[in-house]
Amino acid sequence: MSSNIKVERICEWCGKKFIAQTTVTRFCSKRCAEHSYKERLRQKKMAVSNLETASVPNGNKWRDKDYLTPTQAADLLGIGRMSIYRYIRNGKIKVVRFQRKT
């Protein structure tokens, strides 16, 4: 709601001085308000992503197993699945085959 009060403010986004027409105005223009909004959304997404990353253990779910599939071993070591098969073929990783399973 607009009033007759003219309040001198500093824009939260660009830092310029401006005359606000309401007591709750935070930005000098629509452009600054939009940029601030986009930045808040980015920060919120990053915070959610950081929480998800912190809550997921890095391959710890297979550390206690005696046998791993090539896909699980690749995830645990942080390499590609085809690299695991290459190491198996070169004899660098010991394998046990059960029927058609490695």
C-alpha atoms as a PDB file:
ATOM      1  CA  MET A   1       0.000   0.000   0.000  1.00  0.00           C
ATOM      2  CA  SER A   2       1.445   3.345  -0.999  1.00  0.00           C
ATOM      3  CA  SER A   3       1.599   6.293   1.349  1.00  0.00           C
ATOM      4  CA  ASN A   4       2.751   9.906   1.339  1.00  0.00           C
ATOM      5  CA  ILE A   5       5.871   8.942   3.255  1.00  0.00           C
ATOM      6  CA  LYS A   6       9.084   9.109   1.235  1.00  0.00           C
ATOM      7  CA  VAL A   7      11.796   6.938   2.780  1.00  0.00           C
ATOM      8  CA  GLU A   8      15.384   6.991   1.583  1.00  0.00           C
ATOM      9  CA  ARG A   9      16.650   3.416   1.273  1.00  0.00           C
ATOM     10  CA  ILE A  10      19.601   1.486  -0.084  1.00  0.00           C
ATOM     11  CA  CYS A  11      18.841  -1.294  -2.585  1.00  0.00           C
ATOM     12  CA  GLU A  12      19.692  -4.733  -1.172  1.00  0.00           C
ATOM     13  CA  TRP A  13      20.851  -5.948  -4.585  1.00  0.00           C
ATOM     14  CA  CYS A  14      22.808  -3.141  -6.235  1.00  0.00           C
ATOM     15  CA  GLY A  15      23.525  -0.893  -3.238  1.00  0.00           C
ATOM     16  CA  LYS A  16      22.184   2.342  -4.817  1.00  0.00           C
ATOM     17  CA  LYS A  17      20.233   4.901  -2.802  1.00  0.00           C
ATOM     18  CA  PHE A  18      16.614   5.398  -3.807  1.00  0.00           C
ATOM     19  CA  ILE A  19      13.392   6.904  -2.507  1.00  0.00           C
ATOM     20  CA  ALA A  20      10.995   4.171  -1.380  1.00  0.00           C
ATOM     21  CA  GLN A  21       7.276   4.822  -1.536  1.00  0.00           C
ATOM     22  CA  THR A  22       6.451   2.227   1.122  1.00  0.00           C
ATOM     23  CA  THR A  23       8.151   1.240   4.341  1.00  0.00           C
ATOM     24  CA  VAL A  24       8.761  -2.334   3.204  1.00  0.00           C
ATOM     25  CA  THR A  25      10.404  -1.661  -0.183  1.00  0.00           C
ATOM     26  CA  ARG A  26      13.758  -3.448  -0.415  1.00  0.00           C
ATOM     27  CA  PHE A  27      14.863  -2.938  -4.019  1.00  0.00           C
ATOM     28  CA  CYS A  28      15.226   0.083  -6.265  1.00  0.00           C
ATOM     29  CA  SER A  29      13.700  -1.544  -9.347  1.00  0.00           C
ATOM     30  CA  LYS A  30      11.920  -4.591 -10.684  1.00  0.00           C
ATOM     31  CA  ARG A  31      15.194  -5.762 -12.219  1.00  0.00           C
ATOM     32  CA  CYS A  32      16.983  -5.788  -8.827  1.00  0.00           C
ATOM     33  CA  ALA A  33      14.054  -7.595  -7.204  1.00  0.00           C
ATOM     34  CA  GLU A  34      14.120 -10.274  -9.940  1.00  0.00           C
ATOM     35  CA  HIS A  35      17.884 -10.762  -9.630  1.00  0.00           C
ATOM     36  CA  SER A  36      17.578 -11.115  -5.871  1.00  0.00           C
ATOM     37  CA  TYR A  37      14.758 -13.631  -6.253  1.00  0.00           C
ATOM     38  CA  LYS A  38      16.786 -15.748  -8.692  1.00  0.00           C
ATOM     39  CA  GLU A  39      19.774 -15.690  -6.340  1.00  0.00           C
ATOM     40  CA  ARG A  40      17.595 -16.823  -3.412  1.00  0.00           C
ATOM     41  CA  LEU A  41      16.320 -19.728  -5.540  1.00  0.00           C
ATOM     42  CA  ARG A  42      19.898 -20.700  -6.473  1.00  0.00           C
ATOM     43  CA  GLN A  43      20.993 -20.612  -2.841  1.00  0.00           C
ATOM     44  CA  LYS A  44      17.998 -22.724  -1.800  1.00  0.00           C
ATOM     45  CA  LYS A  45      18.764 -25.346  -4.488  1.00  0.00           C
ATOM     46  CA  MET A  46      22.416 -25.444  -3.448  1.00  0.00           C
ATOM     47  CA  ALA A  47      21.465 -25.903   0.218  1.00  0.00           C
ATOM     48  CA  VAL A  48      19.141 -28.804  -0.658  1.00  0.00           C
ATOM     49  CA  SER A  49      21.836 -30.375  -2.834  1.00  0.00           C
ATOM     50  CA  ASN A  50      24.457 -30.034  -0.086  1.00  0.00           C
ATOM     51  CA  LEU A  51      22.128 -31.702   2.420  1.00  0.00           C
ATOM     52  CA  GLU A  52      21.483 -34.593   0.023  1.00  0.00           C
ATOM     53  CA  THR A  53      25.185 -34.993  -0.666  1.00  0.00           C
ATOM     54  CA  ALA A  54      26.056 -34.962   3.037  1.00  0.00           C
ATOM     55  CA  SER A  55      23.422 -37.573   3.887  1.00  0.00           C
ATOM     56  CA  VAL A  56      24.478 -40.128   1.235  1.00  0.00           C
ATOM     57  CA  PRO A  57      27.535 -42.184   2.243  1.00  0.00           C
ATOM     58  CA  ASN A  58      30.099 -42.573  -0.554  1.00  0.00           C
ATOM     59  CA  GLY A  59      30.048 -46.282  -1.350  1.00  0.00           C
ATOM     60  CA  ASN A  60      30.080 -47.318   2.298  1.00  0.00           C
ATOM     61  CA  LYS A  61      27.109 -49.601   1.779  1.00  0.00           C
ATOM     62  CA  TRP A  62      29.294 -52.228   0.026  1.00  0.00           C
ATOM     63  CA  ARG A  63      32.440 -52.045   2.164  1.00  0.00           C
ATOM     64  CA  ASP A  64      31.364 -54.875   4.481  1.00  0.00           C
ATOM     65  CA  LYS A  65      30.368 -57.332   1.734  1.00  0.00           C
ATOM     66  CA  ASP A  66      32.610 -60.253   0.861  1.00  0.00           C
ATOM     67  CA  TYR A  67      31.677 -60.247  -2.827  1.00  0.00           C
ATOM     68  CA  LEU A  68      30.736 -57.374  -5.108  1.00  0.00           C
ATOM     69  CA  THR A  69      29.281 -57.207  -8.588  1.00  0.00           C
ATOM     70  CA  PRO A  70      31.414 -55.344 -11.145  1.00  0.00           C
ATOM     71  CA  THR A  71      28.963 -52.423 -10.978  1.00  0.00           C
ATOM     72  CA  GLN A  72      29.217 -52.239  -7.179  1.00  0.00           C
ATOM     73  CA  ALA A  73      33.019 -52.483  -7.327  1.00  0.00           C
ATOM     74  CA  ALA A  74      33.135 -49.667  -9.893  1.00  0.00           C
ATOM     75  CA  ASP A  75      30.954 -47.484  -7.686  1.00  0.00           C
ATOM     76  CA  LEU A  76      33.063 -48.254  -4.614  1.00  0.00           C
ATOM     77  CA  LEU A  77      36.320 -47.435  -6.422  1.00  0.00           C
ATOM     78  CA  GLY A  78      34.873 -44.431  -8.258  1.00  0.00           C
ATOM     79  CA  ILE A  79      35.729 -45.723 -11.737  1.00  0.00           C
ATOM     80  CA  GLY A  80      33.739 -46.937 -14.705  1.00  0.00           C
ATOM     81  CA  ARG A  81      32.228 -50.392 -14.968  1.00  0.00           C
ATOM     82  CA  MET A  82      34.165 -51.148 -18.154  1.00  0.00           C
ATOM     83  CA  SER A  83      37.418 -50.375 -16.322  1.00  0.00           C
ATOM     84  CA  ILE A  84      36.519 -53.094 -13.804  1.00  0.00           C
ATOM     85  CA  TYR A  85      36.011 -55.573 -16.637  1.00  0.00           C
ATOM     86  CA  ARG A  86      39.371 -54.505 -18.116  1.00  0.00           C
ATOM     87  CA  TYR A  87      41.083 -55.100 -14.755  1.00  0.00           C
ATOM     88  CA  ILE A  88      39.419 -58.526 -14.537  1.00  0.00           C
ATOM     89  CA  ARG A  89      40.599 -59.407 -18.035  1.00  0.00           C
ATOM     90  CA  ASN A  90      44.170 -58.272 -17.216  1.00  0.00           C
ATOM     91  CA  GLY A  91      44.163 -60.260 -13.959  1.00  0.00           C
ATOM     92  CA  LYS A  92      44.490 -57.261 -11.626  1.00  0.00           C
ATOM     93  CA  ILE A  93      41.219 -58.090  -9.855  1.00  0.00           C
ATOM     94  CA  LYS A  94      40.397 -61.627  -8.715  1.00  0.00           C
ATOM     95  CA  VAL A  95      36.926 -62.811  -9.678  1.00  0.00           C
ATOM     96  CA  VAL A  96      34.635 -65.649  -8.758  1.00  0.00           C
ATOM     97  CA  ARG A  97      32.023 -66.685 -11.274  1.00  0.00           C
ATOM     98  CA  PHE A  98      28.756 -68.330 -10.257  1.00  0.00           C
ATOM     99  CA  GLN A  99      27.172 -69.842 -13.380  1.00  0.00           C
ATOM    100  CA  ARG A 100      26.925 -66.737 -15.617  1.00  0.00           C
ATOM    101  CA  LYS A 101      27.322 -64.152 -12.839  1.00  0.00           C
ATOM    102  CA  THR A 102      30.641 -62.422 -12.066  1.00  0.00           C
END
